[in-house]
Amino acid sequence: MGKSPIFHKVTPVFVGGTGRSGTTVMGDLLGKHPDVRTSTPIEIKFLSNRSGLLDVVFGRDESPNKKKETVSIFHYRTYRKRKLREKEKLANILAEFEDQVWNKWWDIDAPPPHGRGLISGISRSNLEKLMTSLRRDLKINRIWAARRFMKRFIALQDEAGSEKYWVETTPLNIAQARRIRKLFPHALFINMVRDPRDVIASLLTKNWGPTTPLEGLEWIEKRLIDGHNALRVIPAKQQITIALEDLAIHNREKSYQAILTFLGLRDDSKMRHFFESELTPQAATSGRWKTEIATPEFLAGYAELEKKLQQLH
């Protein structure tokens, strides 16, 4: 595969949130530190997104708290039928995964940080060999196979070196934290949060996601609740929540130091320069919702959302 897939121990750091909450800028900030490598592309997408590797391993509709009913091997017909169904499901989702990798995530027609996709960080021949190994390994043990695939993928990215951390910023990383930790028990998670109203205002400028403020409320409610439930099972020492408004405006130095402490990093001049020059109050566009989406209907809906979110804590 060119580079050897045997590599030094690197700790994966998964940054996530609702989307439009500061995940990209956090990845950019961390990537300035010499002990950190931010993935290229900054969002690989194929791990946490729908039809991604986590769906291949754990299934798409599996409930986090629901255990499968055990079937004795002595009930041969029932046991055999279940095994055949599981084999068929795996084949179907694996086919979807491979299609997404090559036809959606490999070469994305978008500007950085999302484009050009996986092509910008790994050779096609190396990824093809990884996919071949994954198909074989999944027949042995799915979690082991996915962990092996990810470790090799990280090691074979073009800019791989002797860094301590590897950072990836697909927003759904937080909602999928429980599953990710099964692959990487020592992974770290940075949950980026932002005023939901500003998230929605930002979303409405994109050609994906909700198209109205009220649709935005439904969209963000699900993402916030999914993220909250996922982080409940992650040990406190493996997660940190950073508010974009604190990092950029209200508690800049305290938030910056909290990130360094969480990762056990010393301050670095390049990281500090990026923080002071790029992560500014103006760049955070805080409060944009007031002029863009503050209708009476939206404000009433947001008040109801706040009540629901308060009940989670």
C-alpha atoms as a PDB file:
ATOM      1  CA  MET A   1       0.000   0.000   0.000  1.00  0.00           C
ATOM      2  CA  GLY A   2       2.930   2.324  -0.307  1.00  0.00           C
ATOM      3  CA  LYS A   3       3.306   3.429   3.281  1.00  0.00           C
ATOM      4  CA  SER A   4       3.297   0.764   5.915  1.00  0.00           C
ATOM      5  CA  PRO A   5      -0.062   0.465   7.723  1.00  0.00           C
ATOM      6  CA  ILE A   6       1.892  -0.166  10.919  1.00  0.00           C
ATOM      7  CA  PHE A   7       2.129   3.214  12.603  1.00  0.00           C
ATOM      8  CA  HIS A   8       2.770   4.904  15.903  1.00  0.00           C
ATOM      9  CA  LYS A   9      -0.037   5.274  18.413  1.00  0.00           C
ATOM     10  CA  VAL A  10      -2.231   8.235  17.514  1.00  0.00           C
ATOM     11  CA  THR A  11      -5.342   9.262  19.442  1.00  0.00           C
ATOM     12  CA  PRO A  12      -8.358  10.157  17.291  1.00  0.00           C
ATOM     13  CA  VAL A  13     -10.240  13.301  18.259  1.00  0.00           C
ATOM     14  CA  PHE A  14     -13.757  13.515  16.889  1.00  0.00           C
ATOM     15  CA  VAL A  15     -15.176  17.025  16.687  1.00  0.00           C
ATOM     16  CA  GLY A  16     -18.914  17.278  16.092  1.00  0.00           C
ATOM     17  CA  GLY A  17     -22.111  19.135  16.819  1.00  0.00           C
ATOM     18  CA  THR A  18     -25.273  20.073  15.019  1.00  0.00           C
ATOM     19  CA  GLY A  19     -23.550  21.373  11.936  1.00  0.00           C
ATOM     20  CA  ARG A  20     -22.897  25.114  11.400  1.00  0.00           C
ATOM     21  CA  SER A  21     -21.781  25.150  15.045  1.00  0.00           C
ATOM     22  CA  GLY A  22     -18.045  25.705  14.689  1.00  0.00           C
ATOM     23  CA  THR A  23     -16.763  22.201  13.940  1.00  0.00           C
ATOM     24  CA  THR A  24     -14.688  23.314  10.951  1.00  0.00           C
ATOM     25  CA  VAL A  25     -13.037  26.232  12.719  1.00  0.00           C
ATOM     26  CA  MET A  26     -12.199  23.972  15.671  1.00  0.00           C
ATOM     27  CA  GLY A  27     -10.535  21.541  13.287  1.00  0.00           C
ATOM     28  CA  ASP A  28      -8.620  24.386  11.678  1.00  0.00           C
ATOM     29  CA  LEU A  29      -7.527  25.693  15.085  1.00  0.00           C
ATOM     30  CA  LEU A  30      -6.279  22.332  16.324  1.00  0.00           C
ATOM     31  CA  GLY A  31      -4.568  21.628  13.023  1.00  0.00           C
ATOM     32  CA  LYS A  32      -2.167  24.507  13.630  1.00  0.00           C
ATOM     33  CA  HIS A  33      -0.597  22.680  16.574  1.00  0.00           C
ATOM     34  CA  PRO A  34       2.481  20.572  15.728  1.00  0.00           C
ATOM     35  CA  ASP A  35       1.175  17.625  17.773  1.00  0.00           C
ATOM     36  CA  VAL A  36      -2.105  17.519  15.851  1.00  0.00           C
ATOM     37  CA  ARG A  37      -2.986  16.474  12.314  1.00  0.00           C
ATOM     38  CA  THR A  38      -6.376  17.446  10.982  1.00  0.00           C
ATOM     39  CA  SER A  39      -7.696  14.967   8.449  1.00  0.00           C
ATOM     40  CA  THR A  40      -7.645  15.846   4.748  1.00  0.00           C
ATOM     41  CA  PRO A  41     -10.443  16.395   3.976  1.00  0.00           C
ATOM     42  CA  ILE A  42     -11.411  17.800   7.347  1.00  0.00           C
ATOM     43  CA  GLU A  43     -14.677  15.804   7.150  1.00  0.00           C
ATOM     44  CA  ILE A  44     -14.174  12.268   5.851  1.00  0.00           C
ATOM     45  CA  LYS A  45     -17.945  11.723   6.163  1.00  0.00           C
ATOM     46  CA  PHE A  46     -17.774   7.961   5.545  1.00  0.00           C
ATOM     47  CA  LEU A  47     -17.581   7.046   9.235  1.00  0.00           C
ATOM     48  CA  SER A  48     -20.546   8.814  10.842  1.00  0.00           C
ATOM     49  CA  ASN A  49     -22.882   9.789   8.017  1.00  0.00           C
ATOM     50  CA  ARG A  50     -25.812   7.680   6.843  1.00  0.00           C
ATOM     51  CA  SER A  51     -24.721   4.532   4.976  1.00  0.00           C
ATOM     52  CA  GLY A  52     -21.277   5.012   6.469  1.00  0.00           C
ATOM     53  CA  LEU A  53     -18.932   2.572   8.157  1.00  0.00           C
ATOM     54  CA  LEU A  54     -20.784   2.699  11.487  1.00  0.00           C
ATOM     55  CA  ASP A  55     -23.964   1.586   9.727  1.00  0.00           C
ATOM     56  CA  VAL A  56     -22.042  -1.277   8.128  1.00  0.00           C
ATOM     57  CA  VAL A  57     -20.814  -2.430  11.533  1.00  0.00           C
ATOM     58  CA  PHE A  58     -23.815  -1.820  13.761  1.00  0.00           C
ATOM     59  CA  GLY A  59     -26.764  -1.631  11.369  1.00  0.00           C
ATOM     60  CA  ARG A  60     -28.830   1.396  10.500  1.00  0.00           C
ATOM     61  CA  ASP A  61     -31.845   0.989  12.747  1.00  0.00           C
ATOM     62  CA  GLU A  62     -30.303  -0.554  15.833  1.00  0.00           C
ATOM     63  CA  SER A  63     -31.542   1.093  19.006  1.00  0.00           C
ATOM     64  CA  PRO A  64     -28.678   2.016  21.371  1.00  0.00           C
ATOM     65  CA  ASN A  65     -30.426   0.528  24.381  1.00  0.00           C
ATOM     66  CA  LYS A  66     -32.209  -2.400  22.752  1.00  0.00           C
ATOM     67  CA  LYS A  67     -30.624  -5.821  23.049  1.00  0.00           C
ATOM     68  CA  LYS A  68     -31.267  -8.464  20.432  1.00  0.00           C
ATOM     69  CA  GLU A  69     -33.321 -11.427  21.572  1.00  0.00           C
ATOM     70  CA  THR A  70     -30.982 -14.387  21.827  1.00  0.00           C
ATOM     71  CA  VAL A  71     -31.783 -17.453  19.772  1.00  0.00           C
ATOM     72  CA  SER A  72     -30.342 -20.815  20.781  1.00  0.00           C
ATOM     73  CA  ILE A  73     -28.307 -22.595  18.138  1.00  0.00           C
ATOM     74  CA  PHE A  74     -30.468 -25.615  18.919  1.00  0.00           C
ATOM     75  CA  HIS A  75     -33.450 -23.806  17.370  1.00  0.00           C
ATOM     76  CA  TYR A  76     -31.705 -24.440  14.088  1.00  0.00           C
ATOM     77  CA  ARG A  77     -34.288 -23.087  11.626  1.00  0.00           C
ATOM     78  CA  THR A  78     -34.824 -19.819  13.494  1.00  0.00           C
ATOM     79  CA  TYR A  79     -31.094 -19.438  14.089  1.00  0.00           C
ATOM     80  CA  ARG A  80     -30.300 -20.104  10.404  1.00  0.00           C
ATOM     81  CA  LYS A  81     -32.959 -17.670   9.167  1.00  0.00           C
ATOM     82  CA  ARG A  82     -31.622 -14.917  11.403  1.00  0.00           C
ATOM     83  CA  LYS A  83     -28.070 -15.540  10.201  1.00  0.00           C
ATOM     84  CA  LEU A  84     -29.194 -15.402   6.573  1.00  0.00           C
ATOM     85  CA  ARG A  85     -31.088 -12.135   7.193  1.00  0.00           C
ATOM     86  CA  GLU A  86     -28.043 -10.611   8.908  1.00  0.00           C
ATOM     87  CA  LYS A  87     -25.812 -11.711   6.031  1.00  0.00           C
ATOM     88  CA  GLU A  88     -28.188 -10.148   3.507  1.00  0.00           C
ATOM     89  CA  LYS A  89     -28.411  -6.891   5.491  1.00  0.00           C
ATOM     90  CA  LEU A  90     -24.631  -6.686   5.696  1.00  0.00           C
ATOM     91  CA  ALA A  91     -24.290  -7.232   1.957  1.00  0.00           C
ATOM     92  CA  ASN A  92     -26.831  -4.509   1.213  1.00  0.00           C
ATOM     93  CA  ILE A  93     -25.398  -1.861   3.530  1.00  0.00           C
ATOM     94  CA  LEU A  94     -21.839  -2.714   2.453  1.00  0.00           C
ATOM     95  CA  ALA A  95     -22.869  -2.174  -1.171  1.00  0.00           C
ATOM     96  CA  GLU A  96     -24.394   1.185  -0.200  1.00  0.00           C
ATOM     97  CA  PHE A  97     -21.259   2.115   1.717  1.00  0.00           C
ATOM     98  CA  GLU A  98     -18.980   1.349  -1.214  1.00  0.00           C
ATOM     99  CA  ASP A  99     -21.234   3.251  -3.600  1.00  0.00           C
ATOM    100  CA  GLN A 100     -21.208   6.293  -1.309  1.00  0.00           C
ATOM    101  CA  VAL A 101     -17.438   6.169  -0.896  1.00  0.00           C
ATOM    102  CA  TRP A 102     -16.702   6.204  -4.612  1.00  0.00           C
ATOM    103  CA  ASN A 103     -19.665   8.158  -5.978  1.00  0.00           C
ATOM    104  CA  LYS A 104     -20.296  10.714  -3.234  1.00  0.00           C
ATOM    105  CA  TRP A 105     -17.403  11.077  -0.770  1.00  0.00           C
ATOM    106  CA  TRP A 106     -14.396  10.363  -2.976  1.00  0.00           C
ATOM    107  CA  ASP A 107     -14.500  13.505  -5.144  1.00  0.00           C
ATOM    108  CA  ILE A 108     -16.869  16.192  -3.875  1.00  0.00           C
ATOM    109  CA  ASP A 109     -17.691  19.152  -6.100  1.00  0.00           C
ATOM    110  CA  ALA A 110     -17.353  21.728  -3.362  1.00  0.00           C
ATOM    111  CA  PRO A 111     -14.749  24.210  -2.110  1.00  0.00           C
ATOM    112  CA  PRO A 112     -12.573  23.400   0.933  1.00  0.00           C
ATOM    113  CA  PRO A 113     -12.947  22.277   3.643  1.00  0.00           C
ATOM    114  CA  HIS A 114     -15.432  19.744   2.228  1.00  0.00           C
ATOM    115  CA  GLY A 115     -14.107  19.428  -1.311  1.00  0.00           C
ATOM    116  CA  ARG A 116     -12.501  17.753  -3.016  1.00  0.00           C
ATOM    117  CA  GLY A 117     -13.315  14.854  -0.761  1.00  0.00           C
ATOM    118  CA  LEU A 118     -11.273  11.767   0.122  1.00  0.00           C
ATOM    119  CA  ILE A 119      -9.244  12.167  -3.070  1.00  0.00           C
ATOM    120  CA  SER A 120      -7.456  15.087  -1.444  1.00  0.00           C
ATOM    121  CA  GLY A 121      -5.914  12.969   1.314  1.00  0.00           C
ATOM    122  CA  ILE A 122      -5.287   9.391   0.138  1.00  0.00           C
ATOM    123  CA  SER A 123      -4.448   7.655  -3.124  1.00  0.00           C
ATOM    124  CA  ARG A 124      -7.181   5.705  -4.892  1.00  0.00           C
ATOM    125  CA  SER A 125      -5.037   2.566  -4.991  1.00  0.00           C
ATOM    126  CA  ASN A 126      -4.493   2.650  -1.237  1.00  0.00           C
ATOM    127  CA  LEU A 127      -8.176   3.181  -0.513  1.00  0.00           C
ATOM    128  CA  GLU A 128      -9.145   0.398  -2.924  1.00  0.00           C
ATOM    129  CA  LYS A 129      -6.819  -1.996  -1.075  1.00  0.00           C
ATOM    130  CA  LEU A 130      -8.293  -0.905   2.253  1.00  0.00           C
ATOM    131  CA  MET A 131     -11.808  -1.551   0.960  1.00  0.00           C
ATOM    132  CA  THR A 132     -10.798  -5.019  -0.255  1.00  0.00           C
ATOM    133  CA  SER A 133      -9.353  -5.851   3.161  1.00  0.00           C
ATOM    134  CA  LEU A 134     -12.468  -4.506   4.864  1.00  0.00           C
ATOM    135  CA  ARG A 135     -14.772  -6.790   2.861  1.00  0.00           C
ATOM    136  CA  ARG A 136     -12.703  -9.783   3.912  1.00  0.00           C
ATOM    137  CA  ASP A 137     -12.292  -8.740   7.553  1.00  0.00           C
ATOM    138  CA  LEU A 138     -15.984  -8.024   8.097  1.00  0.00           C
ATOM    139  CA  LYS A 139     -16.626 -11.767   7.769  1.00  0.00           C
ATOM    140  CA  ILE A 140     -14.408 -12.350  10.791  1.00  0.00           C
ATOM    141  CA  ASN A 141     -15.460  -9.600  13.210  1.00  0.00           C
ATOM    142  CA  ARG A 142     -17.161  -6.347  12.265  1.00  0.00           C
ATOM    143  CA  ILE A 143     -15.850  -4.105  15.045  1.00  0.00           C
ATOM    144  CA  TRP A 144     -12.309  -5.382  14.647  1.00  0.00           C
ATOM    145  CA  ALA A 145     -12.582  -4.983  10.862  1.00  0.00           C
ATOM    146  CA  ALA A 146     -13.791  -1.380  11.093  1.00  0.00           C
ATOM    147  CA  ARG A 147     -11.167  -0.464  13.681  1.00  0.00           C
ATOM    148  CA  ARG A 148      -8.429  -1.983  11.496  1.00  0.00           C
ATOM    149  CA  PHE A 149      -9.742  -0.149   8.431  1.00  0.00           C
ATOM    150  CA  MET A 150      -9.842   3.197  10.231  1.00  0.00           C
ATOM    151  CA  LYS A 151      -6.380   2.839  11.755  1.00  0.00           C
ATOM    152  CA  ARG A 152      -4.921   2.017   8.355  1.00  0.00           C
ATOM    153  CA  PHE A 153      -6.834   4.832   6.694  1.00  0.00           C
ATOM    154  CA  ILE A 154      -5.485   7.339   9.225  1.00  0.00           C
ATOM    155  CA  ALA A 155      -1.942   6.025   8.774  1.00  0.00           C
ATOM    156  CA  LEU A 156      -2.103   6.072   4.982  1.00  0.00           C
ATOM    157  CA  GLN A 157      -3.359   9.625   4.570  1.00  0.00           C
ATOM    158  CA  ASP A 158      -0.823  11.709   2.660  1.00  0.00           C
ATOM    159  CA  GLU A 159       0.189  14.001   5.541  1.00  0.00           C
ATOM    160  CA  ALA A 160       0.540  11.291   8.195  1.00  0.00           C
ATOM    161  CA  GLY A 161       3.542  11.790  10.454  1.00  0.00           C
ATOM    162  CA  SER A 162       4.459  11.542  14.117  1.00  0.00           C
ATOM    163  CA  GLU A 163       1.562  13.598  15.462  1.00  0.00           C
ATOM    164  CA  LYS A 164      -0.063  12.744  18.788  1.00  0.00           C
ATOM    165  CA  TYR A 165      -3.661  13.415  17.665  1.00  0.00           C
ATOM    166  CA  TRP A 166      -5.668  12.939  14.475  1.00  0.00           C
ATOM    167  CA  VAL A 167      -8.716  15.229  14.242  1.00  0.00           C
ATOM    168  CA  GLU A 168     -11.862  14.738  12.154  1.00  0.00           C
ATOM    169  CA  THR A 169     -14.877  17.058  12.118  1.00  0.00           C
ATOM    170  CA  THR A 170     -17.971  15.430  10.601  1.00  0.00           C
ATOM    171  CA  PRO A 171     -20.847  17.012  12.610  1.00  0.00           C
ATOM    172  CA  LEU A 172     -22.601  13.688  13.240  1.00  0.00           C
ATOM    173  CA  ASN A 173     -19.573  12.439  15.199  1.00  0.00           C
ATOM    174  CA  ILE A 174     -21.259  13.539  18.415  1.00  0.00           C
ATOM    175  CA  ALA A 175     -24.600  11.864  17.716  1.00  0.00           C
ATOM    176  CA  GLN A 176     -22.606   8.718  16.850  1.00  0.00           C
ATOM    177  CA  ALA A 177     -20.186   8.983  19.787  1.00  0.00           C
ATOM    178  CA  ARG A 178     -21.416   5.803  21.464  1.00  0.00           C
ATOM    179  CA  ARG A 179     -20.710   3.748  18.349  1.00  0.00           C
ATOM    180  CA  ILE A 180     -17.409   5.475  17.590  1.00  0.00           C
ATOM    181  CA  ARG A 181     -16.154   4.685  21.076  1.00  0.00           C
ATOM    182  CA  LYS A 182     -16.763   0.977  20.427  1.00  0.00           C
ATOM    183  CA  LEU A 183     -14.213   1.234  17.620  1.00  0.00           C
ATOM    184  CA  PHE A 184     -11.874   3.557  19.516  1.00  0.00           C
ATOM    185  CA  PRO A 185     -12.302   3.110  23.282  1.00  0.00           C
ATOM    186  CA  HIS A 186      -9.792   5.900  23.989  1.00  0.00           C
ATOM    187  CA  ALA A 187     -11.130   8.401  21.445  1.00  0.00           C
ATOM    188  CA  LEU A 188     -11.763  11.986  22.534  1.00  0.00           C
ATOM    189  CA  PHE A 189     -14.820  14.038  21.618  1.00  0.00           C
ATOM    190  CA  ILE A 190     -15.171  17.809  21.240  1.00  0.00           C
ATOM    191  CA  ASN A 191     -18.812  18.854  21.130  1.00  0.00           C
ATOM    192  CA  MET A 192     -19.223  22.250  19.463  1.00  0.00           C
ATOM    193  CA  VAL A 193     -22.377  24.150  20.402  1.00  0.00           C
ATOM    194  CA  ARG A 194     -23.787  27.435  19.168  1.00  0.00           C
ATOM    195  CA  ASP A 195     -26.968  29.417  19.693  1.00  0.00           C
ATOM    196  CA  PRO A 196     -29.498  27.207  17.846  1.00  0.00           C
ATOM    197  CA  ARG A 197     -31.094  30.294  16.321  1.00  0.00           C
ATOM    198  CA  ASP A 198     -27.826  31.251  14.650  1.00  0.00           C
ATOM    199  CA  VAL A 199     -27.329  27.663  13.516  1.00  0.00           C
ATOM    200  CA  ILE A 200     -30.729  27.729  11.823  1.00  0.00           C
ATOM    201  CA  ALA A 201     -30.094  31.125  10.222  1.00  0.00           C
ATOM    202  CA  SER A 202     -26.841  29.770   8.818  1.00  0.00           C
ATOM    203  CA  LEU A 203     -28.460  26.539   7.632  1.00  0.00           C
ATOM    204  CA  LEU A 204     -31.030  28.404   5.584  1.00  0.00           C
ATOM    205  CA  THR A 205     -28.270  29.853   3.404  1.00  0.00           C
ATOM    206  CA  LYS A 206     -27.257  26.330   2.296  1.00  0.00           C
ATOM    207  CA  ASN A 207     -28.736  24.061  -0.344  1.00  0.00           C
ATOM    208  CA  TRP A 208     -28.994  21.120   2.051  1.00  0.00           C
ATOM    209  CA  GLY A 209     -31.078  20.705   5.186  1.00  0.00           C
ATOM    210  CA  PRO A 210     -34.187  22.662   6.215  1.00  0.00           C
ATOM    211  CA  THR A 211     -35.628  25.359   3.989  1.00  0.00           C
ATOM    212  CA  THR A 212     -37.700  27.344   6.508  1.00  0.00           C
ATOM    213  CA  PRO A 213     -37.026  28.517  10.086  1.00  0.00           C
ATOM    214  CA  LEU A 214     -39.744  26.246  11.471  1.00  0.00           C
ATOM    215  CA  GLU A 215     -38.277  23.240   9.669  1.00  0.00           C
ATOM    216  CA  GLY A 216     -34.966  24.296  11.154  1.00  0.00           C
ATOM    217  CA  LEU A 217     -36.384  23.983  14.664  1.00  0.00           C
ATOM    218  CA  GLU A 218     -37.402  20.363  14.038  1.00  0.00           C
ATOM    219  CA  TRP A 219     -34.033  19.607  12.447  1.00  0.00           C
ATOM    220  CA  ILE A 220     -31.940  21.016  15.269  1.00  0.00           C
ATOM    221  CA  GLU A 221     -34.113  19.535  18.018  1.00  0.00           C
ATOM    222  CA  LYS A 222     -33.359  16.026  16.778  1.00  0.00           C
ATOM    223  CA  ARG A 223     -29.633  16.712  16.458  1.00  0.00           C
ATOM    224  CA  LEU A 224     -29.352  18.270  19.911  1.00  0.00           C
ATOM    225  CA  ILE A 225     -31.264  15.434  21.583  1.00  0.00           C
ATOM    226  CA  ASP A 226     -29.327  12.739  19.709  1.00  0.00           C
ATOM    227  CA  GLY A 227     -26.056  14.385  20.703  1.00  0.00           C
ATOM    228  CA  HIS A 228     -27.089  14.731  24.335  1.00  0.00           C
ATOM    229  CA  ASN A 229     -28.109  11.065  24.565  1.00  0.00           C
ATOM    230  CA  ALA A 230     -24.891   9.890  22.914  1.00  0.00           C
ATOM    231  CA  LEU A 231     -22.614  11.880  25.204  1.00  0.00           C
ATOM    232  CA  ARG A 232     -24.331  10.553  28.317  1.00  0.00           C
ATOM    233  CA  VAL A 233     -22.407   7.288  27.983  1.00  0.00           C
ATOM    234  CA  ILE A 234     -19.028   8.871  27.181  1.00  0.00           C
ATOM    235  CA  PRO A 235     -16.751   9.263  30.242  1.00  0.00           C
ATOM    236  CA  ALA A 236     -16.294  12.888  31.305  1.00  0.00           C
ATOM    237  CA  LYS A 237     -12.517  12.721  30.772  1.00  0.00           C
ATOM    238  CA  GLN A 238     -13.090  11.843  27.110  1.00  0.00           C
ATOM    239  CA  GLN A 239     -15.374  14.726  26.189  1.00  0.00           C
ATOM    240  CA  ILE A 240     -15.534  18.483  26.296  1.00  0.00           C
ATOM    241  CA  THR A 241     -18.227  20.898  25.156  1.00  0.00           C
ATOM    242  CA  ILE A 242     -17.135  24.234  23.712  1.00  0.00           C
ATOM    243  CA  ALA A 243     -19.572  27.026  22.903  1.00  0.00           C
ATOM    244  CA  LEU A 244     -18.586  28.917  19.767  1.00  0.00           C
ATOM    245  CA  GLU A 245     -19.733  32.184  21.365  1.00  0.00           C
ATOM    246  CA  ASP A 246     -17.456  31.590  24.352  1.00  0.00           C
ATOM    247  CA  LEU A 247     -14.480  30.672  22.193  1.00  0.00           C
ATOM    248  CA  ALA A 248     -14.893  33.633  19.854  1.00  0.00           C
ATOM    249  CA  ILE A 249     -16.498  36.327  22.044  1.00  0.00           C
ATOM    250  CA  HIS A 250     -17.349  35.960  25.725  1.00  0.00           C
ATOM    251  CA  ASN A 251     -14.729  33.696  27.320  1.00  0.00           C
ATOM    252  CA  ARG A 252     -12.013  33.518  24.729  1.00  0.00           C
ATOM    253  CA  GLU A 253      -8.925  32.770  26.781  1.00  0.00           C
ATOM    254  CA  LYS A 254     -10.713  30.467  29.223  1.00  0.00           C
ATOM    255  CA  SER A 255     -12.163  28.405  26.352  1.00  0.00           C
ATOM    256  CA  TYR A 256      -8.840  28.313  24.522  1.00  0.00           C
ATOM    257  CA  GLN A 257      -7.028  27.097  27.628  1.00  0.00           C
ATOM    258  CA  ALA A 258      -9.757  24.516  28.268  1.00  0.00           C
ATOM    259  CA  ILE A 259      -9.053  22.956  24.867  1.00  0.00           C
ATOM    260  CA  LEU A 260      -5.321  22.806  25.515  1.00  0.00           C
ATOM    261  CA  THR A 261      -5.882  21.271  28.967  1.00  0.00           C
ATOM    262  CA  PHE A 262      -8.335  18.703  27.625  1.00  0.00           C
ATOM    263  CA  LEU A 263      -5.786  17.490  25.061  1.00  0.00           C
ATOM    264  CA  GLY A 264      -2.767  17.934  27.299  1.00  0.00           C
ATOM    265  CA  LEU A 265      -1.130  20.328  24.834  1.00  0.00           C
ATOM    266  CA  ARG A 266       1.158  23.265  25.415  1.00  0.00           C
ATOM    267  CA  ASP A 267       0.268  26.538  23.767  1.00  0.00           C
ATOM    268  CA  ASP A 268       1.820  26.965  20.337  1.00  0.00           C
ATOM    269  CA  SER A 269       2.593  30.157  18.435  1.00  0.00           C
ATOM    270  CA  LYS A 270       0.873  29.077  15.197  1.00  0.00           C
ATOM    271  CA  MET A 271      -2.232  27.895  16.998  1.00  0.00           C
ATOM    272  CA  ARG A 272      -2.283  31.059  19.093  1.00  0.00           C
ATOM    273  CA  HIS A 273      -1.910  33.237  15.976  1.00  0.00           C
ATOM    274  CA  PHE A 274      -4.833  31.511  14.277  1.00  0.00           C
ATOM    275  CA  PHE A 275      -6.932  31.928  17.405  1.00  0.00           C
ATOM    276  CA  GLU A 276      -6.210  35.644  17.672  1.00  0.00           C
ATOM    277  CA  SER A 277      -6.434  36.500  13.970  1.00  0.00           C
ATOM    278  CA  GLU A 278      -9.139  34.190  12.617  1.00  0.00           C
ATOM    279  CA  LEU A 279     -11.335  33.192  15.540  1.00  0.00           C
ATOM    280  CA  THR A 280     -12.600  36.712  16.147  1.00  0.00           C
ATOM    281  CA  PRO A 281     -15.922  38.015  17.481  1.00  0.00           C
ATOM    282  CA  GLN A 282     -16.759  39.282  13.989  1.00  0.00           C
ATOM    283  CA  ALA A 283     -16.162  35.857  12.435  1.00  0.00           C
ATOM    284  CA  ALA A 284     -18.659  34.216  14.805  1.00  0.00           C
ATOM    285  CA  THR A 285     -21.594  36.202  13.328  1.00  0.00           C
ATOM    286  CA  SER A 286     -23.393  35.912  16.642  1.00  0.00           C
ATOM    287  CA  GLY A 287     -26.992  37.169  16.705  1.00  0.00           C
ATOM    288  CA  ARG A 288     -27.568  37.016  12.960  1.00  0.00           C
ATOM    289  CA  TRP A 289     -30.910  35.334  13.633  1.00  0.00           C
ATOM    290  CA  LYS A 290     -32.332  38.621  14.956  1.00  0.00           C
ATOM    291  CA  THR A 291     -32.440  40.188  11.505  1.00  0.00           C
ATOM    292  CA  GLU A 292     -32.900  37.039   9.428  1.00  0.00           C
ATOM    293  CA  ILE A 293     -35.486  34.730  11.027  1.00  0.00           C
ATOM    294  CA  ALA A 294     -37.010  36.425  14.107  1.00  0.00           C
ATOM    295  CA  THR A 295     -40.699  36.092  13.170  1.00  0.00           C
ATOM    296  CA  PRO A 296     -43.332  35.679  15.906  1.00  0.00           C
ATOM    297  CA  GLU A 297     -43.974  32.099  14.786  1.00  0.00           C
ATOM    298  CA  PHE A 298     -40.303  31.217  14.978  1.00  0.00           C
ATOM    299  CA  LEU A 299     -39.833  32.826  18.388  1.00  0.00           C
ATOM    300  CA  ALA A 300     -42.814  30.911  19.762  1.00  0.00           C
ATOM    301  CA  GLY A 301     -41.439  27.659  18.357  1.00  0.00           C
ATOM    302  CA  TYR A 302     -38.011  28.358  19.793  1.00  0.00           C
ATOM    303  CA  ALA A 303     -39.492  28.978  23.243  1.00  0.00           C
ATOM    304  CA  GLU A 304     -41.036  25.492  23.092  1.00  0.00           C
ATOM    305  CA  LEU A 305     -37.710  24.019  22.000  1.00  0.00           C
ATOM    306  CA  GLU A 306     -35.971  25.639  24.964  1.00  0.00           C
ATOM    307  CA  LYS A 307     -38.449  23.981  27.344  1.00  0.00           C
ATOM    308  CA  LYS A 308     -37.754  20.566  25.836  1.00  0.00           C
ATOM    309  CA  LEU A 309     -34.005  21.035  26.040  1.00  0.00           C
ATOM    310  CA  GLN A 310     -34.160  22.176  29.664  1.00  0.00           C
ATOM    311  CA  GLN A 311     -35.858  18.896  30.557  1.00  0.00           C
ATOM    312  CA  LEU A 312     -32.825  16.979  29.338  1.00  0.00           C
ATOM    313  CA  HIS A 313     -30.613  18.380  32.111  1.00  0.00           C
END
